Amino acid sequence: MEETNQKFTIALIYDFDGTLAAGNMQEYDFIPAVGKSNIEFWDESNRLAQEQDADQILTYMALMIREAQAKGLSLRREAFQESGKRVELFPGVMEWFDRINAYGEERGVRVLHYINSSGLKEIIEGTPIADKFRKIYACSFLYNVDGIAYWPGVAVNYTNKTQFIFKINKGVESVYDTKLVNRYMEEKQRPVPFSRMIYVGDGTTDIPCMRLVKNFGGHSIAVYNPKDEEKRGNMNTLIRDNRVNHVCPADYSEGKEIDIVVKAIIDKCVADNRLAQLETEIL
């Protein structure tokens, strides 16, 4: 019986802050530039959300605009992208994408990478890995005719993150398009079945997505800063609560735990696909 050479797609979907980089992306450059400590900025943002009974993502974005205007900082997309150059990625991240793509290619698999983040798309666009992603789903601003940010355009919180899982599932890349993603599509016609999704996140904001992917037959991986090994014990509760499949340090170097796990999942997807083909041939 001949082996098939037809490729199928596996999607690796990542949070960003705490997953591919330590801390929050605003803390590397933006918050120091407005003259506040990280604690001061986030406390003020959270206090504003509580006082106004507002979404915490929208309030942090509004606060960024207000503080930048007060300090005379640029609110151009290019300024946010410049800030992205200062974000420090976890070990092995720079080499990770090409290595995993090559591993998939050797097995007849197309691997696509996506960001699903409550951070700023514009800052992620400035990082050296921005071109590795099929699509970056993240918060972003609206810009006026002069290219100045003036209002939140997309706000991604911990629950509406799940919408992008369904967009990936159905091959709908537009954030604006809500009709196509809600249109009925047979499972076998969907470009990326849930069973071929791998979700990688670091904390509570990712739990709805990690649980969703896991419950629909995919694989969820919780990661933690490799410098904070004590956190692993706390995150193991996510496994006990049936929210994730694996907990790994956020070290993406070759041969490290997450590298081994993701490659094993790719192998499993290939084997499952081959078994499904055999069952079809028998019928």
Protein backbone atom coordinates (compact mmCIF):
# COMPACT_ATOMS: atom_id res chain seq x y z
CA MET A 1 0.00 0.00 0.00
CA GLU A 2 1.54 3.31 -1.12
CA GLU A 3 2.24 6.13 1.28
CA THR A 4 0.49 9.39 0.51
CA ASN A 5 2.54 12.52 -0.21
CA GLN A 6 -0.39 14.85 0.29
CA LYS A 7 0.35 17.43 2.95
CA PHE A 8 -2.04 18.45 5.65
CA THR A 9 -1.88 21.40 8.00
CA ILE A 10 -1.03 21.60 11.70
CA ALA A 11 -1.51 24.95 13.46
CA LEU A 12 0.69 26.07 16.33
CA ILE A 13 -1.07 28.92 18.15
CA TYR A 14 0.83 31.00 20.71
CA ASP A 15 0.08 33.59 23.28
CA PHE A 16 2.97 36.09 23.36
CA ASP A 17 3.61 37.69 26.76
CA GLY A 18 4.97 35.06 29.13
CA THR A 19 4.89 32.49 26.34
CA LEU A 20 7.43 33.60 23.74
CA ALA A 21 8.85 36.48 25.78
CA ALA A 22 9.19 37.15 29.51
CA GLY A 23 6.88 39.71 31.10
CA ASN A 24 4.58 42.10 29.26
CA MET A 25 5.77 43.67 26.03
CA GLN A 26 4.90 47.21 27.22
CA GLU A 27 7.38 46.84 30.10
CA TYR A 28 10.51 46.76 27.94
CA ASP A 29 10.23 50.20 26.44
CA PHE A 30 6.86 51.97 26.62
CA ILE A 31 6.17 52.06 30.36
CA PRO A 32 9.69 53.30 31.29
CA ALA A 33 9.35 55.99 28.58
CA VAL A 34 6.22 57.43 30.23
CA GLY A 35 8.05 57.62 33.55
CA LYS A 36 6.14 54.98 35.46
CA SER A 37 7.08 51.69 37.04
CA ASN A 38 5.39 48.53 35.81
CA ILE A 39 3.42 48.30 39.05
CA GLU A 40 2.24 51.93 38.79
CA PHE A 41 1.07 51.55 35.19
CA TRP A 42 -0.83 48.30 35.64
CA ASP A 43 -2.32 49.35 38.98
CA GLU A 44 -3.63 52.53 37.36
CA SER A 45 -5.02 50.58 34.41
CA ASN A 46 -6.75 48.04 36.65
CA ARG A 47 -8.08 50.76 38.95
CA LEU A 48 -9.59 52.58 35.96
CA ALA A 49 -11.23 49.36 34.79
CA GLN A 50 -12.69 48.72 38.24
CA GLU A 51 -13.95 52.28 38.71
CA GLN A 52 -15.60 52.36 35.29
CA ASP A 53 -16.60 48.67 35.32
CA ALA A 54 -14.72 48.42 32.04
CA ASP A 55 -12.72 45.84 30.13
CA GLN A 56 -9.13 45.71 31.41
CA ILE A 57 -7.73 45.38 27.90
CA LEU A 58 -9.52 48.52 26.71
CA THR A 59 -8.38 50.49 29.74
CA TYR A 60 -4.71 49.59 29.29
CA MET A 61 -4.92 50.65 25.65
CA ALA A 62 -6.64 53.92 26.58
CA LEU A 63 -4.02 54.54 29.26
CA MET A 64 -1.22 53.98 26.75
CA ILE A 65 -2.68 56.68 24.50
CA ARG A 66 -3.23 59.09 27.40
CA GLU A 67 0.24 58.62 28.88
CA ALA A 68 1.98 58.91 25.50
CA GLN A 69 0.13 62.13 24.74
CA ALA A 70 1.01 63.53 28.17
CA LYS A 71 4.71 62.79 27.64
CA GLY A 72 4.81 63.84 23.99
CA LEU A 73 5.69 60.34 22.79
CA SER A 74 4.96 59.20 19.26
CA LEU A 75 1.78 57.22 18.74
CA ARG A 76 2.65 56.13 15.23
CA ARG A 77 2.61 52.46 14.31
CA GLU A 78 6.31 52.72 13.52
CA ALA A 79 7.05 53.85 17.09
CA PHE A 80 5.28 50.80 18.53
CA GLN A 81 7.12 48.56 16.08
CA GLU A 82 10.41 50.11 17.18
CA SER A 83 9.49 49.20 20.74
CA GLY A 84 9.10 45.58 19.63
CA LYS A 85 12.79 45.41 18.79
CA ARG A 86 13.59 45.62 22.51
CA VAL A 87 11.44 42.67 23.58
CA GLU A 88 13.55 39.81 24.94
CA LEU A 89 12.49 36.41 23.65
CA PHE A 90 12.84 33.17 25.58
CA PRO A 91 15.76 30.84 24.77
CA GLY A 92 15.51 29.08 21.43
CA VAL A 93 12.59 31.12 20.09
CA MET A 94 14.58 32.60 17.21
CA GLU A 95 15.42 29.17 15.78
CA TRP A 96 12.20 27.42 16.80
CA PHE A 97 9.93 28.18 13.84
CA ASP A 98 12.26 27.12 11.03
CA ARG A 99 13.21 23.95 12.92
CA ILE A 100 9.59 22.91 13.54
CA ASN A 101 8.65 23.78 9.95
CA ALA A 102 11.47 21.57 8.68
CA TYR A 103 10.41 18.73 10.99
CA GLY A 104 6.88 18.94 9.62
CA GLU A 105 8.09 19.19 6.03
CA GLU A 106 10.03 15.95 6.40
CA ARG A 107 6.77 14.24 7.41
CA GLY A 108 4.59 15.76 4.73
CA VAL A 109 3.07 18.31 7.08
CA ARG A 110 2.60 22.04 6.57
CA VAL A 111 3.03 23.79 9.94
CA LEU A 112 1.43 27.21 10.31
CA HIS A 113 2.16 29.50 13.26
CA TYR A 114 -0.31 32.02 14.72
CA ILE A 115 -0.24 34.58 17.52
CA ASN A 116 -3.33 34.94 19.75
CA SER A 117 -2.44 37.66 22.25
CA SER A 118 -3.88 40.37 24.47
CA GLY A 119 -0.70 42.33 23.81
CA LEU A 120 -0.24 44.85 21.01
CA LYS A 121 -0.04 43.64 17.42
CA GLU A 122 2.05 46.68 16.51
CA ILE A 123 4.74 45.82 19.06
CA ILE A 124 4.78 42.16 17.98
CA GLU A 125 5.22 43.35 14.39
CA GLY A 126 8.51 44.94 15.48
CA THR A 127 9.98 41.73 16.92
CA PRO A 128 12.45 39.71 14.83
CA ILE A 129 10.01 36.77 14.64
CA ALA A 130 7.02 38.70 13.25
CA ASP A 131 7.43 37.23 9.76
CA LYS A 132 7.18 33.68 11.11
CA PHE A 133 3.44 33.93 11.71
CA ARG A 134 0.65 33.24 9.27
CA LYS A 135 -1.49 35.74 11.19
CA ILE A 136 -1.06 37.86 14.31
CA TYR A 137 -4.33 38.12 16.23
CA ALA A 138 -3.76 40.75 18.92
CA CYS A 139 -4.90 44.13 20.19
CA SER A 140 -4.37 47.04 17.82
CA PHE A 141 -5.22 50.72 17.47
CA LEU A 142 -7.16 52.74 14.95
CA TYR A 143 -5.01 55.38 13.21
CA ASN A 144 -6.04 58.76 11.81
CA VAL A 145 -5.03 60.21 8.42
CA ASP A 146 -1.70 61.31 9.93
CA GLY A 147 -0.92 57.78 11.09
CA ILE A 148 -1.48 58.57 14.79
CA ALA A 149 -3.19 56.03 17.08
CA TYR A 150 -6.32 57.55 18.58
CA TRP A 151 -8.63 54.68 19.65
CA PRO A 152 -8.54 50.91 20.24
CA GLY A 153 -9.35 49.05 17.04
CA VAL A 154 -9.16 45.46 18.28
CA ALA A 155 -9.23 44.42 21.96
CA VAL A 156 -8.42 40.78 22.69
CA ASN A 157 -9.36 39.61 26.18
CA TYR A 158 -9.22 36.15 27.69
CA THR A 159 -12.67 35.07 26.49
CA ASN A 160 -12.84 36.59 23.02
CA LYS A 161 -9.48 34.99 22.29
CA THR A 162 -11.47 31.86 21.53
CA GLN A 163 -13.03 33.42 18.42
CA PHE A 164 -9.66 33.27 16.68
CA ILE A 165 -9.43 29.53 17.29
CA PHE A 166 -12.59 29.14 15.22
CA LYS A 167 -11.26 31.51 12.56
CA ILE A 168 -8.13 29.37 12.21
CA ASN A 169 -10.28 26.24 12.15
CA LYS A 170 -12.31 27.57 9.21
CA GLY A 171 -9.52 29.43 7.44
CA VAL A 172 -10.98 32.89 8.06
CA GLU A 173 -8.08 35.29 8.59
CA SER A 174 -9.95 38.59 8.67
CA VAL A 175 -10.73 40.02 12.11
CA TYR A 176 -13.55 42.08 10.60
CA ASP A 177 -15.33 39.18 8.88
CA THR A 178 -17.90 37.70 11.25
CA LYS A 179 -20.19 36.19 8.60
CA LEU A 180 -17.87 33.56 7.15
CA VAL A 181 -16.66 32.29 10.54
CA ASN A 182 -20.29 31.72 11.62
CA ARG A 183 -21.31 30.00 8.39
CA TYR A 184 -21.81 26.25 8.62
CA MET A 185 -18.89 24.23 7.29
CA GLU A 186 -18.54 20.47 7.43
CA GLU A 187 -15.68 19.26 9.61
CA LYS A 188 -13.87 17.55 6.74
CA GLN A 189 -13.87 20.82 4.76
CA ARG A 190 -12.23 22.88 7.50
CA PRO A 191 -8.60 23.75 6.73
CA VAL A 192 -7.31 23.12 10.26
CA PRO A 193 -9.27 20.59 12.34
CA PHE A 194 -9.12 21.13 16.10
CA SER A 195 -7.31 17.81 16.40
CA ARG A 196 -4.40 19.33 14.50
CA MET A 197 -4.08 22.41 16.69
CA ILE A 198 -1.42 22.94 19.34
CA TYR A 199 -2.10 25.84 21.70
CA VAL A 200 0.79 27.26 23.74
CA GLY A 201 0.06 29.72 26.56
CA ASP A 202 1.34 30.73 29.97
CA GLY A 203 -1.49 31.63 32.27
CA THR A 204 -5.09 32.25 33.22
CA THR A 205 -5.85 34.44 30.18
CA ASP A 206 -5.14 31.42 27.97
CA ILE A 207 -7.23 28.87 29.88
CA PRO A 208 -10.40 29.24 27.76
CA CYS A 209 -8.38 28.67 24.56
CA MET A 210 -6.30 25.84 26.02
CA ARG A 211 -9.41 24.10 27.34
CA LEU A 212 -11.26 24.61 24.05
CA VAL A 213 -8.47 23.14 21.93
CA LYS A 214 -7.98 20.21 24.33
CA ASN A 215 -11.69 19.42 24.57
CA PHE A 216 -12.01 19.31 20.78
CA GLY A 217 -9.18 16.79 20.44
CA GLY A 218 -6.20 19.11 20.01
CA HIS A 219 -3.24 19.62 22.32
CA SER A 220 -2.61 22.43 24.83
CA ILE A 221 0.74 23.24 26.39
CA ALA A 222 1.18 25.55 29.38
CA VAL A 223 4.63 27.13 29.61
CA TYR A 224 6.45 29.02 32.34
CA ASN A 225 9.61 31.09 32.61
CA PRO A 226 12.51 28.60 32.77
CA LYS A 227 14.12 30.80 35.43
CA ASP A 228 11.14 30.16 37.72
CA GLU A 229 11.10 26.39 38.17
CA GLU A 230 8.90 26.71 41.27
CA LYS A 231 6.05 27.85 39.04
CA ARG A 232 5.85 24.41 37.44
CA GLY A 233 4.25 22.95 40.57
CA ASN A 234 1.53 25.60 40.46
CA MET A 235 0.89 25.06 36.76
CA ASN A 236 0.58 21.31 37.18
CA THR A 237 -2.88 22.04 38.57
CA LEU A 238 -3.88 22.85 34.98
CA ILE A 239 -3.23 19.21 34.10
CA ARG A 240 -5.13 17.95 37.14
CA ASP A 241 -8.05 20.24 36.23
CA ASN A 242 -8.05 18.78 32.70
CA ARG A 243 -7.27 22.14 31.12
CA VAL A 244 -3.97 21.33 29.40
CA ASN A 245 -2.09 18.27 28.18
CA HIS A 246 1.44 19.33 29.09
CA VAL A 247 3.42 21.82 31.20
CA CYS A 248 6.88 22.80 29.94
CA PRO A 249 9.55 25.44 30.58
CA ALA A 250 9.52 28.17 27.92
CA ASP A 251 12.88 27.08 26.50
CA TYR A 252 12.40 26.41 22.80
CA SER A 253 15.93 25.16 22.13
CA GLU A 254 16.43 21.92 20.24
CA GLY A 255 16.10 18.87 22.46
CA LYS A 256 14.34 20.73 25.29
CA GLU A 257 11.03 19.52 26.69
CA ILE A 258 8.67 21.58 24.53
CA ASP A 259 10.67 20.70 21.42
CA ILE A 260 10.26 16.99 22.20
CA VAL A 261 6.55 17.35 23.01
CA VAL A 262 5.61 19.33 19.90
CA LYS A 263 7.50 16.96 17.61
CA ALA A 264 5.74 14.00 19.26
CA ILE A 265 2.37 15.68 18.66
CA ILE A 266 3.26 16.21 15.01
CA ASP A 267 4.17 12.51 14.75
CA LYS A 268 0.85 11.59 16.38
CA CYS A 269 -1.10 13.74 13.92
CA VAL A 270 0.70 12.06 11.02
CA ALA A 271 -0.05 8.61 12.44
CA ASP A 272 -3.71 9.48 13.09
CA ASN A 273 -4.05 10.76 9.54
CA ARG A 274 -2.52 7.57 8.11
CA LEU A 275 -4.86 5.40 10.19
CA ALA A 276 -7.85 7.40 8.98
CA GLN A 277 -6.73 6.86 5.39
CA LEU A 278 -6.39 3.12 5.97
CA GLU A 279 -9.88 2.94 7.43
CA THR A 280 -11.26 4.76 4.37
CA GLU A 281 -9.44 2.41 2.02
CA ILE A 282 -10.86 -0.63 3.81
CA LEU A 283 -14.37 0.75 3.46
